[in-house]
Amino acid sequence: MAGGASGYVLKDNASDEVIRAIYAVHRGHVFVTPGVTGVLVESWRAKREEKVSAFNLLTERERDVLQLLAEGLSTNEIGERLHLSIKTVGTHRQHIMEKTGIRSVAGLTKYAVAEGLTELEALE
């Protein structure tokens, strides 16, 4: 369906269902065998949730700041490393917290590890 198909019929479906599918698609409708609609809906839901994930809302620079925060760098150190002002680092941190709903550096650290931005070994 993601490739542009307008219908999907399982090969073991009865010929009358195949004919209904052909007519539906010919009229401009989408036809999906009832046996696969659940799979398609779950796939759509998973993709939708993935797209709206807070991590996907972060900019590349916010991800950089999050990684360095999680690795224990101070605002000054992050600014020096990324060639940013302290105020800009603070703004990025604020945006990260707003987008993720996380309000502490400890929470952001756990989040960064869960998202694969950093590893526990890097935190030691």
N, C-alpha and C. Protein backbone atom coordinates (compact mmCIF):
# COMPACT_ATOMS: atom_id res chain seq x y z
N MET A 1 0.84 -1.19 0.00
CA MET A 1 0.00 0.00 0.00
C MET A 1 0.88 1.25 0.00
N ALA A 2 1.99 1.20 0.73
CA ALA A 2 2.88 2.35 0.77
C ALA A 2 3.49 2.61 -0.60
N GLY A 3 3.56 1.59 -1.43
CA GLY A 3 4.13 1.73 -2.76
C GLY A 3 3.13 2.23 -3.79
N GLY A 4 1.89 2.48 -3.37
CA GLY A 4 0.92 3.05 -4.29
C GLY A 4 -0.20 2.12 -4.72
N ALA A 5 -0.25 0.92 -4.17
CA ALA A 5 -1.31 -0.01 -4.52
C ALA A 5 -2.66 0.53 -4.05
N SER A 6 -3.70 0.22 -4.81
CA SER A 6 -5.05 0.64 -4.43
C SER A 6 -5.86 -0.50 -3.86
N GLY A 7 -5.29 -1.69 -3.89
CA GLY A 7 -6.02 -2.83 -3.36
C GLY A 7 -5.07 -3.92 -2.93
N TYR A 8 -5.58 -4.77 -2.03
CA TYR A 8 -4.78 -5.89 -1.55
C TYR A 8 -5.71 -7.05 -1.29
N VAL A 9 -5.46 -8.15 -2.00
CA VAL A 9 -6.26 -9.36 -1.86
C VAL A 9 -5.29 -10.51 -1.65
N LEU A 10 -5.59 -11.36 -0.66
CA LEU A 10 -4.77 -12.53 -0.44
C LEU A 10 -4.97 -13.53 -1.57
N LYS A 11 -3.93 -14.26 -1.92
CA LYS A 11 -4.02 -15.17 -3.07
C LYS A 11 -4.99 -16.32 -2.83
N ASP A 12 -5.30 -16.64 -1.59
CA ASP A 12 -6.23 -17.74 -1.32
C ASP A 12 -7.68 -17.26 -1.17
N ASN A 13 -7.96 -16.00 -1.50
CA ASN A 13 -9.33 -15.48 -1.41
C ASN A 13 -10.17 -16.03 -2.56
N ALA A 14 -11.47 -16.10 -2.31
CA ALA A 14 -12.40 -16.57 -3.33
C ALA A 14 -12.43 -15.62 -4.51
N SER A 15 -12.76 -16.16 -5.66
CA SER A 15 -12.76 -15.35 -6.88
C SER A 15 -13.75 -14.20 -6.80
N ASP A 16 -14.87 -14.38 -6.09
CA ASP A 16 -15.84 -13.28 -6.00
C ASP A 16 -15.27 -12.08 -5.24
N GLU A 17 -14.38 -12.35 -4.26
CA GLU A 17 -13.74 -11.24 -3.56
C GLU A 17 -12.74 -10.53 -4.47
N VAL A 18 -12.05 -11.28 -5.30
CA VAL A 18 -11.11 -10.69 -6.26
C VAL A 18 -11.88 -9.80 -7.23
N ILE A 19 -13.02 -10.25 -7.67
CA ILE A 19 -13.85 -9.46 -8.60
C ILE A 19 -14.33 -8.18 -7.91
N ARG A 20 -14.78 -8.28 -6.65
CA ARG A 20 -15.21 -7.09 -5.90
C ARG A 20 -14.05 -6.10 -5.78
N ALA A 21 -12.85 -6.63 -5.56
CA ALA A 21 -11.67 -5.77 -5.43
C ALA A 21 -11.41 -5.03 -6.73
N ILE A 22 -11.50 -5.74 -7.83
CA ILE A 22 -11.26 -5.11 -9.14
C ILE A 22 -12.26 -4.00 -9.40
N TYR A 23 -13.54 -4.27 -9.14
CA TYR A 23 -14.57 -3.24 -9.33
C TYR A 23 -14.34 -2.03 -8.41
N ALA A 24 -14.00 -2.29 -7.15
CA ALA A 24 -13.78 -1.20 -6.21
C ALA A 24 -12.62 -0.31 -6.65
N VAL A 25 -11.53 -0.91 -7.03
CA VAL A 25 -10.36 -0.14 -7.47
C VAL A 25 -10.67 0.60 -8.76
N HIS A 26 -11.41 -0.04 -9.66
CA HIS A 26 -11.79 0.61 -10.92
C HIS A 26 -12.64 1.85 -10.67
N ARG A 27 -13.45 1.84 -9.62
CA ARG A 27 -14.29 3.00 -9.27
C ARG A 27 -13.52 4.05 -8.48
N GLY A 28 -12.24 3.80 -8.24
CA GLY A 28 -11.43 4.79 -7.53
C GLY A 28 -11.36 4.58 -6.03
N HIS A 29 -11.86 3.45 -5.55
CA HIS A 29 -11.85 3.14 -4.13
C HIS A 29 -10.61 2.30 -3.79
N VAL A 30 -10.38 2.14 -2.52
CA VAL A 30 -9.32 1.25 -2.04
C VAL A 30 -10.00 -0.01 -1.54
N PHE A 31 -9.42 -1.16 -1.86
CA PHE A 31 -9.96 -2.42 -1.40
C PHE A 31 -8.88 -3.20 -0.67
N VAL A 32 -9.21 -3.64 0.55
CA VAL A 32 -8.29 -4.45 1.34
C VAL A 32 -9.05 -5.65 1.87
N THR A 33 -8.49 -6.82 1.66
CA THR A 33 -9.08 -8.04 2.19
C THR A 33 -9.28 -7.88 3.70
N PRO A 34 -10.47 -8.17 4.20
CA PRO A 34 -10.72 -7.99 5.64
C PRO A 34 -9.70 -8.68 6.54
N GLY A 35 -9.12 -9.76 6.11
CA GLY A 35 -8.16 -10.48 6.93
C GLY A 35 -6.86 -9.74 7.19
N VAL A 36 -6.57 -8.71 6.41
CA VAL A 36 -5.31 -7.97 6.60
C VAL A 36 -5.52 -6.55 7.10
N THR A 37 -6.74 -6.13 7.25
CA THR A 37 -6.97 -4.75 7.69
C THR A 37 -6.37 -4.49 9.07
N GLY A 38 -6.46 -5.46 9.96
CA GLY A 38 -5.88 -5.29 11.30
C GLY A 38 -4.38 -5.06 11.23
N VAL A 39 -3.71 -5.81 10.38
CA VAL A 39 -2.26 -5.66 10.21
C VAL A 39 -1.93 -4.29 9.65
N LEU A 40 -2.70 -3.84 8.67
CA LEU A 40 -2.45 -2.52 8.08
C LEU A 40 -2.70 -1.40 9.08
N VAL A 41 -3.75 -1.52 9.87
CA VAL A 41 -4.06 -0.48 10.86
C VAL A 41 -2.95 -0.43 11.91
N GLU A 42 -2.50 -1.57 12.40
CA GLU A 42 -1.43 -1.59 13.40
C GLU A 42 -0.14 -1.01 12.83
N SER A 43 0.16 -1.32 11.58
CA SER A 43 1.34 -0.78 10.93
C SER A 43 1.23 0.74 10.82
N TRP A 44 0.07 1.23 10.45
CA TRP A 44 -0.15 2.67 10.34
C TRP A 44 0.01 3.34 11.69
N ARG A 45 -0.56 2.72 12.74
CA ARG A 45 -0.45 3.29 14.08
C ARG A 45 1.01 3.36 14.53
N ALA A 46 1.76 2.29 14.27
CA ALA A 46 3.17 2.26 14.68
C ALA A 46 3.95 3.35 13.97
N LYS A 47 3.72 3.53 12.68
CA LYS A 47 4.43 4.58 11.93
C LYS A 47 4.03 5.96 12.42
N ARG A 48 2.76 6.13 12.75
CA ARG A 48 2.28 7.42 13.24
C ARG A 48 2.93 7.75 14.58
N GLU A 49 2.99 6.77 15.47
CA GLU A 49 3.62 6.99 16.77
C GLU A 49 5.10 7.29 16.61
N GLU A 50 5.75 6.61 15.67
CA GLU A 50 7.17 6.84 15.43
C GLU A 50 7.40 8.27 14.94
N LYS A 51 6.53 8.74 14.06
CA LYS A 51 6.69 10.08 13.51
C LYS A 51 6.51 11.16 14.57
N VAL A 52 5.64 10.94 15.53
CA VAL A 52 5.39 11.97 16.53
C VAL A 52 6.23 11.77 17.79
N SER A 53 7.13 10.82 17.76
CA SER A 53 8.02 10.61 18.89
C SER A 53 8.78 11.90 19.18
N ALA A 54 8.94 12.20 20.45
CA ALA A 54 9.65 13.42 20.83
C ALA A 54 11.06 13.43 20.26
N PHE A 55 11.69 12.28 20.20
CA PHE A 55 13.05 12.22 19.68
C PHE A 55 13.10 12.70 18.23
N ASN A 56 12.10 12.36 17.45
CA ASN A 56 12.05 12.79 16.06
C ASN A 56 11.76 14.28 15.93
N LEU A 57 11.28 14.90 16.98
CA LEU A 57 11.02 16.34 16.95
C LEU A 57 12.27 17.16 17.26
N LEU A 58 13.29 16.51 17.84
CA LEU A 58 14.52 17.23 18.19
C LEU A 58 15.33 17.53 16.93
N THR A 59 15.90 18.72 16.90
CA THR A 59 16.80 19.06 15.80
C THR A 59 18.14 18.35 16.01
N GLU A 60 18.95 18.35 14.98
CA GLU A 60 20.26 17.71 15.10
C GLU A 60 21.09 18.37 16.21
N ARG A 61 21.03 19.68 16.31
CA ARG A 61 21.79 20.40 17.33
C ARG A 61 21.25 20.08 18.73
N GLU A 62 19.92 19.97 18.85
CA GLU A 62 19.35 19.59 20.14
C GLU A 62 19.80 18.19 20.55
N ARG A 63 19.91 17.30 19.58
CA ARG A 63 20.41 15.95 19.88
C ARG A 63 21.86 16.00 20.34
N ASP A 64 22.64 16.86 19.70
CA ASP A 64 24.04 17.02 20.12
C ASP A 64 24.11 17.51 21.57
N VAL A 65 23.32 18.52 21.89
CA VAL A 65 23.30 19.07 23.24
C VAL A 65 22.82 18.01 24.23
N LEU A 66 21.78 17.28 23.88
CA LEU A 66 21.26 16.23 24.75
C LEU A 66 22.33 15.17 25.03
N GLN A 67 23.03 14.77 24.00
CA GLN A 67 24.08 13.76 24.18
C GLN A 67 25.15 14.25 25.16
N LEU A 68 25.59 15.48 24.96
CA LEU A 68 26.64 16.01 25.83
C LEU A 68 26.15 16.25 27.25
N LEU A 69 24.89 16.68 27.39
CA LEU A 69 24.30 16.80 28.73
C LEU A 69 24.29 15.44 29.42
N ALA A 70 23.87 14.44 28.68
CA ALA A 70 23.79 13.09 29.26
C ALA A 70 25.16 12.55 29.63
N GLU A 71 26.17 13.00 28.92
CA GLU A 71 27.53 12.54 29.21
C GLU A 71 28.17 13.34 30.34
N GLY A 72 27.41 14.27 30.92
CA GLY A 72 27.86 14.96 32.11
C GLY A 72 28.58 16.28 31.88
N LEU A 73 28.58 16.79 30.66
CA LEU A 73 29.24 18.07 30.41
C LEU A 73 28.38 19.20 30.95
N SER A 74 29.04 20.24 31.41
CA SER A 74 28.34 21.43 31.90
C SER A 74 27.90 22.27 30.70
N THR A 75 27.07 23.25 30.98
CA THR A 75 26.63 24.17 29.92
C THR A 75 27.83 24.85 29.27
N ASN A 76 28.79 25.30 30.09
CA ASN A 76 30.00 25.94 29.56
C ASN A 76 30.77 24.99 28.66
N GLU A 77 30.94 23.75 29.11
CA GLU A 77 31.70 22.76 28.33
C GLU A 77 30.99 22.43 27.01
N ILE A 78 29.67 22.33 27.06
CA ILE A 78 28.91 22.06 25.83
C ILE A 78 29.08 23.22 24.86
N GLY A 79 28.99 24.45 25.37
CA GLY A 79 29.17 25.62 24.53
C GLY A 79 30.54 25.63 23.87
N GLU A 80 31.57 25.33 24.65
CA GLU A 80 32.92 25.29 24.09
C GLU A 80 33.04 24.20 23.03
N ARG A 81 32.51 23.03 23.33
CA ARG A 81 32.63 21.89 22.41
C ARG A 81 31.90 22.14 21.10
N LEU A 82 30.72 22.76 21.18
CA LEU A 82 29.89 22.98 19.98
C LEU A 82 30.02 24.39 19.41
N HIS A 83 30.88 25.20 20.03
CA HIS A 83 31.09 26.59 19.59
C HIS A 83 29.78 27.38 19.64
N LEU A 84 29.10 27.27 20.80
CA LEU A 84 27.85 27.96 21.03
C LEU A 84 27.97 28.80 22.28
N SER A 85 27.15 29.84 22.37
CA SER A 85 27.14 30.64 23.60
C SER A 85 26.40 29.86 24.68
N ILE A 86 26.65 30.25 25.92
CA ILE A 86 25.98 29.62 27.05
C ILE A 86 24.47 29.79 26.92
N LYS A 87 24.05 30.96 26.48
CA LYS A 87 22.63 31.25 26.32
C LYS A 87 22.00 30.32 25.26
N THR A 88 22.71 30.08 24.18
CA THR A 88 22.19 29.20 23.12
C THR A 88 22.07 27.76 23.63
N VAL A 89 23.06 27.31 24.39
CA VAL A 89 22.99 25.96 24.97
C VAL A 89 21.78 25.87 25.90
N GLY A 90 21.56 26.89 26.71
CA GLY A 90 20.40 26.92 27.60
C GLY A 90 19.09 26.88 26.84
N THR A 91 19.04 27.59 25.74
CA THR A 91 17.83 27.59 24.90
C THR A 91 17.59 26.19 24.33
N HIS A 92 18.65 25.56 23.85
CA HIS A 92 18.51 24.19 23.33
C HIS A 92 18.02 23.25 24.43
N ARG A 93 18.59 23.39 25.63
CA ARG A 93 18.18 22.54 26.74
C ARG A 93 16.70 22.75 27.04
N GLN A 94 16.26 24.00 27.06
CA GLN A 94 14.85 24.32 27.31
C GLN A 94 13.96 23.68 26.25
N HIS A 95 14.35 23.78 24.98
CA HIS A 95 13.56 23.19 23.90
C HIS A 95 13.50 21.66 24.03
N ILE A 96 14.62 21.06 24.39
CA ILE A 96 14.66 19.61 24.58
C ILE A 96 13.68 19.20 25.67
N MET A 97 13.71 19.92 26.78
CA MET A 97 12.82 19.60 27.90
C MET A 97 11.36 19.80 27.53
N GLU A 98 11.07 20.84 26.77
CA GLU A 98 9.69 21.08 26.34
C GLU A 98 9.21 19.98 25.40
N LYS A 99 10.05 19.58 24.46
CA LYS A 99 9.67 18.57 23.48
C LYS A 99 9.54 17.17 24.08
N THR A 100 10.38 16.87 25.06
CA THR A 100 10.36 15.53 25.66
C THR A 100 9.46 15.45 26.88
N GLY A 101 9.18 16.59 27.49
CA GLY A 101 8.40 16.59 28.72
C GLY A 101 9.22 16.16 29.93
N ILE A 102 10.53 16.13 29.78
CA ILE A 102 11.43 15.72 30.87
C ILE A 102 11.99 16.97 31.51
N ARG A 103 12.01 17.02 32.84
CA ARG A 103 12.37 18.24 33.55
C ARG A 103 13.68 18.17 34.34
N SER A 104 14.43 17.08 34.21
CA SER A 104 15.68 16.99 34.97
C SER A 104 16.79 16.44 34.08
N VAL A 105 18.03 16.77 34.44
CA VAL A 105 19.17 16.26 33.70
C VAL A 105 19.25 14.74 33.84
N ALA A 106 18.91 14.23 35.03
CA ALA A 106 18.91 12.78 35.22
C ALA A 106 17.91 12.11 34.28
N GLY A 107 16.74 12.70 34.15
CA GLY A 107 15.73 12.18 33.23
C GLY A 107 16.19 12.25 31.80
N LEU A 108 16.82 13.37 31.44
CA LEU A 108 17.34 13.51 30.08
C LEU A 108 18.44 12.49 29.80
N THR A 109 19.24 12.19 30.82
CA THR A 109 20.31 11.21 30.66
C THR A 109 19.70 9.83 30.38
N LYS A 110 18.70 9.44 31.15
CA LYS A 110 18.05 8.15 30.91
C LYS A 110 17.42 8.12 29.52
N TYR A 111 16.82 9.22 29.12
CA TYR A 111 16.19 9.32 27.81
C TYR A 111 17.24 9.18 26.70
N ALA A 112 18.38 9.84 26.85
CA ALA A 112 19.44 9.78 25.84
C ALA A 112 19.97 8.36 25.69
N VAL A 113 20.11 7.66 26.80
CA VAL A 113 20.58 6.26 26.75
C VAL A 113 19.52 5.40 26.05
N ALA A 114 18.25 5.58 26.41
CA ALA A 114 17.17 4.80 25.80
C ALA A 114 17.08 5.04 24.30
N GLU A 115 17.37 6.26 23.86
CA GLU A 115 17.29 6.59 22.43
C GLU A 115 18.58 6.25 21.68
N GLY A 116 19.58 5.76 22.40
CA GLY A 116 20.83 5.36 21.74
C GLY A 116 21.77 6.51 21.43
N LEU A 117 21.55 7.68 22.03
CA LEU A 117 22.44 8.83 21.80
C LEU A 117 23.77 8.65 22.50
N THR A 118 23.75 7.93 23.58
CA THR A 118 24.96 7.69 24.35
C THR A 118 24.82 6.33 25.02
N GLU A 119 25.93 5.80 25.48
CA GLU A 119 25.90 4.50 26.15
C GLU A 119 26.28 4.68 27.60
N LEU A 120 25.89 3.75 28.41
CA LEU A 120 26.19 3.83 29.83
C LEU A 120 27.69 3.94 30.07
N GLU A 121 28.50 3.25 29.26
CA GLU A 121 29.96 3.31 29.43
C GLU A 121 30.49 4.73 29.24
N ALA A 122 29.86 5.51 28.38
CA ALA A 122 30.30 6.89 28.14
C ALA A 122 30.01 7.79 29.34
N LEU A 123 29.11 7.34 30.20
CA LEU A 123 28.70 8.15 31.34
C LEU A 123 29.62 7.97 32.55
N GLU A 124 30.49 6.97 32.50
CA GLU A 124 31.35 6.67 33.65
C GLU A 124 32.60 7.52 33.65
